Amino acid sequence: MLAATTAAEPHVRAHAIATQRLLRDPDAGFECAIEEAKRVVALGGFGQEG
């Protein structure tokens, strides 16, 4: 899963980040996790290369 957080495809990174978030805090809920992941990807976080 760690490799997916640095994938070139934004949707792959967002999914991996959301999954990590849910593993850390299962009570957060999927919608919250996916929205946070989209923000991270949009801002170029979590190891995006380029």
N, C-alpha and C. Protein backbone atom coordinates (compact mmCIF):
# COMPACT_ATOMS: atom_id res chain seq x y z
N MET A 1 0.83 -1.19 0.00
CA MET A 1 0.00 0.00 0.00
C MET A 1 0.87 1.26 0.00
N LEU A 2 2.03 1.21 0.61
CA LEU A 2 2.89 2.39 0.66
C LEU A 2 3.26 2.85 -0.74
N ALA A 3 3.53 1.91 -1.63
CA ALA A 3 3.88 2.28 -3.00
C ALA A 3 2.73 3.01 -3.69
N ALA A 4 1.50 2.65 -3.38
CA ALA A 4 0.34 3.28 -4.01
C ALA A 4 0.21 4.75 -3.62
N THR A 5 0.73 5.14 -2.46
CA THR A 5 0.62 6.54 -2.04
C THR A 5 1.54 7.44 -2.85
N THR A 6 2.44 6.85 -3.64
CA THR A 6 3.32 7.64 -4.50
C THR A 6 3.09 7.35 -5.97
N ALA A 7 1.98 6.70 -6.29
CA ALA A 7 1.67 6.36 -7.68
C ALA A 7 1.47 7.62 -8.51
N ALA A 8 1.70 7.51 -9.80
CA ALA A 8 1.56 8.65 -10.71
C ALA A 8 0.09 9.05 -10.90
N GLU A 9 -0.81 8.09 -10.80
CA GLU A 9 -2.23 8.35 -11.03
C GLU A 9 -2.87 8.93 -9.76
N PRO A 10 -3.48 10.11 -9.85
CA PRO A 10 -4.08 10.74 -8.67
C PRO A 10 -5.15 9.90 -7.99
N HIS A 11 -5.97 9.18 -8.76
CA HIS A 11 -7.03 8.38 -8.13
C HIS A 11 -6.45 7.21 -7.34
N VAL A 12 -5.32 6.67 -7.77
CA VAL A 12 -4.66 5.59 -7.04
C VAL A 12 -4.11 6.14 -5.72
N ARG A 13 -3.45 7.30 -5.78
CA ARG A 13 -2.92 7.93 -4.57
C ARG A 13 -4.04 8.25 -3.59
N ALA A 14 -5.13 8.82 -4.08
CA ALA A 14 -6.24 9.20 -3.21
C ALA A 14 -6.83 7.97 -2.51
N HIS A 15 -6.99 6.89 -3.24
CA HIS A 15 -7.54 5.67 -2.66
C HIS A 15 -6.60 5.12 -1.58
N ALA A 16 -5.31 5.09 -1.86
CA ALA A 16 -4.34 4.58 -0.89
C ALA A 16 -4.31 5.45 0.37
N ILE A 17 -4.36 6.75 0.19
CA ILE A 17 -4.34 7.67 1.33
C ILE A 17 -5.60 7.50 2.17
N ALA A 18 -6.74 7.37 1.51
CA ALA A 18 -8.00 7.16 2.23
C ALA A 18 -7.98 5.85 3.00
N THR A 19 -7.41 4.82 2.39
CA THR A 19 -7.32 3.52 3.06
C THR A 19 -6.44 3.62 4.30
N GLN A 20 -5.32 4.30 4.18
CA GLN A 20 -4.44 4.49 5.34
C GLN A 20 -5.17 5.25 6.45
N ARG A 21 -5.90 6.27 6.08
CA ARG A 21 -6.65 7.06 7.05
C ARG A 21 -7.66 6.18 7.80
N LEU A 22 -8.36 5.34 7.06
CA LEU A 22 -9.35 4.45 7.69
C LEU A 22 -8.69 3.41 8.59
N LEU A 23 -7.51 2.97 8.21
CA LEU A 23 -6.79 2.03 9.07
C LEU A 23 -6.38 2.68 10.39
N ARG A 24 -5.99 3.96 10.31
CA ARG A 24 -5.60 4.70 11.53
C ARG A 24 -6.81 5.05 12.39
N ASP A 25 -7.93 5.40 11.74
CA ASP A 25 -9.11 5.86 12.47
C ASP A 25 -10.38 5.34 11.80
N PRO A 26 -10.75 4.09 12.09
CA PRO A 26 -11.93 3.50 11.44
C PRO A 26 -13.23 4.25 11.71
N ASP A 27 -13.29 4.99 12.79
CA ASP A 27 -14.51 5.72 13.11
C ASP A 27 -14.68 6.99 12.29
N ALA A 28 -13.64 7.39 11.58
CA ALA A 28 -13.70 8.62 10.79
C ALA A 28 -14.70 8.51 9.64
N GLY A 29 -14.87 7.33 9.11
CA GLY A 29 -15.81 7.12 8.01
C GLY A 29 -15.15 7.33 6.66
N PHE A 30 -15.67 6.65 5.67
CA PHE A 30 -15.07 6.68 4.35
C PHE A 30 -15.17 8.04 3.69
N GLU A 31 -16.30 8.70 3.78
CA GLU A 31 -16.47 9.99 3.11
C GLU A 31 -15.44 11.00 3.60
N CYS A 32 -15.25 11.07 4.89
CA CYS A 32 -14.25 11.98 5.47
C CYS A 32 -12.86 11.61 4.97
N ALA A 33 -12.54 10.33 4.97
CA ALA A 33 -11.21 9.88 4.56
C ALA A 33 -10.95 10.18 3.09
N ILE A 34 -11.94 9.96 2.24
CA ILE A 34 -11.73 10.19 0.81
C ILE A 34 -11.61 11.68 0.50
N GLU A 35 -12.36 12.51 1.21
CA GLU A 35 -12.25 13.96 1.00
C GLU A 35 -10.88 14.47 1.43
N GLU A 36 -10.39 13.97 2.55
CA GLU A 36 -9.04 14.35 3.00
C GLU A 36 -8.00 13.89 1.98
N ALA A 37 -8.14 12.68 1.48
CA ALA A 37 -7.20 12.15 0.50
C ALA A 37 -7.20 12.98 -0.78
N LYS A 38 -8.37 13.40 -1.23
CA LYS A 38 -8.46 14.24 -2.43
C LYS A 38 -7.72 15.56 -2.23
N ARG A 39 -7.86 16.14 -1.02
CA ARG A 39 -7.16 17.39 -0.73
C ARG A 39 -5.65 17.19 -0.75
N VAL A 40 -5.19 16.10 -0.15
CA VAL A 40 -3.75 15.80 -0.11
C VAL A 40 -3.21 15.66 -1.52
N VAL A 41 -3.91 14.90 -2.35
CA VAL A 41 -3.48 14.69 -3.73
C VAL A 41 -3.49 15.99 -4.51
N ALA A 42 -4.54 16.80 -4.34
CA ALA A 42 -4.64 18.06 -5.07
C ALA A 42 -3.52 19.02 -4.68
N LEU A 43 -3.08 18.94 -3.45
CA LEU A 43 -2.00 19.82 -2.98
C LEU A 43 -0.62 19.23 -3.26
N GLY A 44 -0.58 18.03 -3.83
CA GLY A 44 0.69 17.43 -4.21
C GLY A 44 1.41 16.74 -3.07
N GLY A 45 0.68 16.32 -2.06
CA GLY A 45 1.30 15.67 -0.92
C GLY A 45 1.48 14.18 -1.10
N PHE A 46 2.01 13.55 -0.07
CA PHE A 46 2.25 12.10 -0.01
C PHE A 46 3.12 11.61 -1.13
N GLY A 47 4.25 12.26 -1.34
CA GLY A 47 5.27 11.72 -2.21
C GLY A 47 5.04 11.83 -3.69
N GLN A 48 4.16 12.69 -4.12
CA GLN A 48 3.95 12.85 -5.55
C GLN A 48 5.24 13.35 -6.17
N GLU A 49 5.71 12.64 -7.16
CA GLU A 49 6.94 13.03 -7.84
C GLU A 49 6.62 13.74 -9.12
N GLY A 50 7.52 14.64 -9.51
CA GLY A 50 7.27 15.29 -10.78
C GLY A 50 7.56 16.74 -10.80
